[in-house]
Amino acid sequence: QVQLVESGGGLVQPGGSLRLSCAASGFTFSRTVMTWARQVPGKEREFVAGISDVGGSTNYADSVKGRFTISRDNAKNTVYLQMNNLNPEGTAVYHCRADVGRSYWGQGTQVTVSS
């Protein structure tokens, strides 16, 4: 079955960086568009970044453009989110998503940006 496992979250100071990973299994990763989204308590999950199946096309939420970079390694079935210059508004649980017939979500990884 489809499995998505995020990792790499943690506590970081404002201005710091983190790299999130999402390990995927149970589907043909190299043919699947992957997305990162984030959610804070009491708010809807919001789109952060997306990447095409071969990685040639990416798109980002305006709030993260120029600071976050999404990438993928199809040989490792993994999608990444490099987050630089983090600010407190980046505090959230970050989830990856795969659209394989329907949307599948990982359990998420907590990112806390605080001094």
C-alpha atoms as a PDB file:
ATOM      1  CA  GLN A   1       0.000   0.000   0.000  1.00  0.00           C
ATOM      2  CA  VAL A   2       0.988   3.644  -0.366  1.00  0.00           C
ATOM      3  CA  GLN A   3       3.235   4.839   2.421  1.00  0.00           C
ATOM      4  CA  LEU A   4       4.725   8.284   2.933  1.00  0.00           C
ATOM      5  CA  VAL A   5       7.096   8.864   5.832  1.00  0.00           C
ATOM      6  CA  GLU A   6       8.326  12.365   6.589  1.00  0.00           C
ATOM      7  CA  SER A   7      11.403  13.173   8.628  1.00  0.00           C
ATOM      8  CA  GLY A   8      13.801  15.998   9.326  1.00  0.00           C
ATOM      9  CA  GLY A   9      11.650  18.301  11.391  1.00  0.00           C
ATOM     10  CA  GLY A  10      12.750  19.872  14.634  1.00  0.00           C
ATOM     11  CA  LEU A  11      13.364  23.078  16.500  1.00  0.00           C
ATOM     12  CA  VAL A  12      15.246  25.803  14.666  1.00  0.00           C
ATOM     13  CA  GLN A  13      15.938  29.450  15.401  1.00  0.00           C
ATOM     14  CA  PRO A  14      14.571  32.186  13.140  1.00  0.00           C
ATOM     15  CA  GLY A  15      16.819  32.519  10.129  1.00  0.00           C
ATOM     16  CA  GLY A  16      17.876  28.903  10.349  1.00  0.00           C
ATOM     17  CA  SER A  17      17.468  26.029   7.910  1.00  0.00           C
ATOM     18  CA  LEU A  18      16.018  22.541   7.861  1.00  0.00           C
ATOM     19  CA  ARG A  19      15.783  19.859   5.228  1.00  0.00           C
ATOM     20  CA  LEU A  20      12.717  17.668   5.273  1.00  0.00           C
ATOM     21  CA  SER A  21      12.530  14.278   3.595  1.00  0.00           C
ATOM     22  CA  CYS A  22       9.580  12.162   2.548  1.00  0.00           C
ATOM     23  CA  ALA A  23      10.278   8.517   1.789  1.00  0.00           C
ATOM     24  CA  ALA A  24       7.648   6.964  -0.463  1.00  0.00           C
ATOM     25  CA  SER A  25       6.677   3.387  -1.216  1.00  0.00           C
ATOM     26  CA  GLY A  26       3.807   1.373  -2.635  1.00  0.00           C
ATOM     27  CA  PHE A  27       3.423   3.225  -5.928  1.00  0.00           C
ATOM     28  CA  THR A  28       5.421   4.288  -8.968  1.00  0.00           C
ATOM     29  CA  PHE A  29       7.141   7.278  -7.441  1.00  0.00           C
ATOM     30  CA  SER A  30       8.858   8.399 -10.635  1.00  0.00           C
ATOM     31  CA  ARG A  31       5.491   8.941 -12.313  1.00  0.00           C
ATOM     32  CA  THR A  32       3.847  10.817  -9.471  1.00  0.00           C
ATOM     33  CA  VAL A  33       3.592  14.517  -8.755  1.00  0.00           C
ATOM     34  CA  MET A  34       4.601  15.180  -5.152  1.00  0.00           C
ATOM     35  CA  THR A  35       3.550  18.019  -2.901  1.00  0.00           C
ATOM     36  CA  TRP A  36       4.496  19.458   0.458  1.00  0.00           C
ATOM     37  CA  ALA A  37       1.864  21.137   2.613  1.00  0.00           C
ATOM     38  CA  ARG A  38       1.789  22.372   6.181  1.00  0.00           C
ATOM     39  CA  GLN A  39      -0.795  22.732   8.890  1.00  0.00           C
ATOM     40  CA  VAL A  40      -1.070  24.561  12.176  1.00  0.00           C
ATOM     41  CA  PRO A  41      -3.738  23.777  14.781  1.00  0.00           C
ATOM     42  CA  GLY A  42      -7.056  25.404  13.983  1.00  0.00           C
ATOM     43  CA  LYS A  43      -6.150  26.182  10.385  1.00  0.00           C
ATOM     44  CA  GLU A  44      -6.564  24.404   7.112  1.00  0.00           C
ATOM     45  CA  ARG A  45      -3.654  22.590   5.583  1.00  0.00           C
ATOM     46  CA  GLU A  46      -1.926  24.897   3.123  1.00  0.00           C
ATOM     47  CA  PHE A  47       0.081  24.194   0.013  1.00  0.00           C
ATOM     48  CA  VAL A  48       3.819  24.864   0.270  1.00  0.00           C
ATOM     49  CA  ALA A  49       5.481  23.415  -2.827  1.00  0.00           C
ATOM     50  CA  GLY A  50       4.972  20.901  -5.606  1.00  0.00           C
ATOM     51  CA  ILE A  51       7.219  19.081  -8.049  1.00  0.00           C
ATOM     52  CA  SER A  52       6.474  17.240 -11.274  1.00  0.00           C
ATOM     53  CA  ASP A  53       7.187  13.555 -11.740  1.00  0.00           C
ATOM     54  CA  VAL A  54      10.618  14.014 -13.289  1.00  0.00           C
ATOM     55  CA  GLY A  55      11.354  17.155 -11.335  1.00  0.00           C
ATOM     56  CA  GLY A  56      11.440  19.485 -14.281  1.00  0.00           C
ATOM     57  CA  SER A  57       8.690  21.691 -12.948  1.00  0.00           C
ATOM     58  CA  THR A  58       8.225  23.130  -9.483  1.00  0.00           C
ATOM     59  CA  ASN A  59       5.867  25.614  -7.922  1.00  0.00           C
ATOM     60  CA  TYR A  60       5.706  27.336  -4.560  1.00  0.00           C
ATOM     61  CA  ALA A  61       3.400  29.241  -2.309  1.00  0.00           C
ATOM     62  CA  ASP A  62       4.177  32.956  -2.425  1.00  0.00           C
ATOM     63  CA  SER A  63       5.050  32.909   1.262  1.00  0.00           C
ATOM     64  CA  VAL A  64       8.008  30.562   0.717  1.00  0.00           C
ATOM     65  CA  LYS A  65       9.288  31.560  -2.718  1.00  0.00           C
ATOM     66  CA  GLY A  66      13.001  32.258  -2.681  1.00  0.00           C
ATOM     67  CA  ARG A  67      13.481  30.505   0.668  1.00  0.00           C
ATOM     68  CA  PHE A  68      12.237  26.939   0.161  1.00  0.00           C
ATOM     69  CA  THR A  69      13.318  24.471  -2.511  1.00  0.00           C
ATOM     70  CA  ILE A  70      11.538  21.246  -3.378  1.00  0.00           C
ATOM     71  CA  SER A  71      13.480  18.456  -5.059  1.00  0.00           C
ATOM     72  CA  ARG A  72      13.257  14.733  -5.585  1.00  0.00           C
ATOM     73  CA  ASP A  73      15.447  11.694  -6.072  1.00  0.00           C
ATOM     74  CA  ASN A  74      13.514   9.153  -8.079  1.00  0.00           C
ATOM     75  CA  ALA A  75      16.216   6.534  -7.500  1.00  0.00           C
ATOM     76  CA  LYS A  76      15.584   6.811  -3.752  1.00  0.00           C
ATOM     77  CA  ASN A  77      11.810   7.350  -3.942  1.00  0.00           C
ATOM     78  CA  THR A  78      12.268  10.461  -1.840  1.00  0.00           C
ATOM     79  CA  VAL A  79      11.121  14.044  -2.076  1.00  0.00           C
ATOM     80  CA  TYR A  80      12.833  16.814  -0.146  1.00  0.00           C
ATOM     81  CA  LEU A  81      12.022  20.275   1.089  1.00  0.00           C
ATOM     82  CA  GLN A  82      14.989  22.518   1.807  1.00  0.00           C
ATOM     83  CA  MET A  83      13.831  25.372   4.010  1.00  0.00           C
ATOM     84  CA  ASN A  84      16.104  28.363   4.471  1.00  0.00           C
ATOM     85  CA  ASN A  85      15.681  31.613   6.347  1.00  0.00           C
ATOM     86  CA  LEU A  86      12.858  30.181   8.395  1.00  0.00           C
ATOM     87  CA  ASN A  87      10.603  32.517  10.329  1.00  0.00           C
ATOM     88  CA  PRO A  88       8.118  31.795  13.137  1.00  0.00           C
ATOM     89  CA  GLU A  89       5.301  31.585  10.589  1.00  0.00           C
ATOM     90  CA  GLY A  90       6.993  28.423   9.371  1.00  0.00           C
ATOM     91  CA  THR A  91       6.026  26.622  12.561  1.00  0.00           C
ATOM     92  CA  ALA A  92       3.707  23.827  11.489  1.00  0.00           C
ATOM     93  CA  VAL A  93       3.407  20.134  10.842  1.00  0.00           C
ATOM     94  CA  TYR A  94       4.719  19.492   7.352  1.00  0.00           C
ATOM     95  CA  HIS A  95       3.163  16.720   5.295  1.00  0.00           C
ATOM     96  CA  CYS A  96       3.965  15.273   1.913  1.00  0.00           C
ATOM     97  CA  ARG A  97       1.262  14.188  -0.487  1.00  0.00           C
ATOM     98  CA  ALA A  98       1.099  11.799  -3.400  1.00  0.00           C
ATOM     99  CA  ASP A  99      -1.794  11.791  -5.837  1.00  0.00           C
ATOM    100  CA  VAL A 100      -2.216   8.170  -6.858  1.00  0.00           C
ATOM    101  CA  GLY A 101      -5.823   7.798  -7.851  1.00  0.00           C
ATOM    102  CA  ARG A 102      -6.596   9.767  -4.733  1.00  0.00           C
ATOM    103  CA  SER A 103      -4.515  11.864  -2.386  1.00  0.00           C
ATOM    104  CA  TYR A 104      -2.351  10.105   0.161  1.00  0.00           C
ATOM    105  CA  TRP A 105      -0.728  11.942   3.033  1.00  0.00           C
ATOM    106  CA  GLY A 106       2.106  11.134   5.367  1.00  0.00           C
ATOM    107  CA  GLN A 107       1.818  11.527   9.120  1.00  0.00           C
ATOM    108  CA  GLY A 108       3.838  14.728   9.056  1.00  0.00           C
ATOM    109  CA  THR A 109       6.910  16.099  10.769  1.00  0.00           C
ATOM    110  CA  GLN A 110       6.832  18.970  13.228  1.00  0.00           C
ATOM    111  CA  VAL A 111       8.825  22.107  12.480  1.00  0.00           C
ATOM    112  CA  THR A 112       9.115  24.710  15.215  1.00  0.00           C
ATOM    113  CA  VAL A 113      10.772  28.038  14.531  1.00  0.00           C
ATOM    114  CA  SER A 114      11.529  29.817  17.765  1.00  0.00           C
ATOM    115  CA  SER A 115      14.320  31.570  19.583  1.00  0.00           C
END
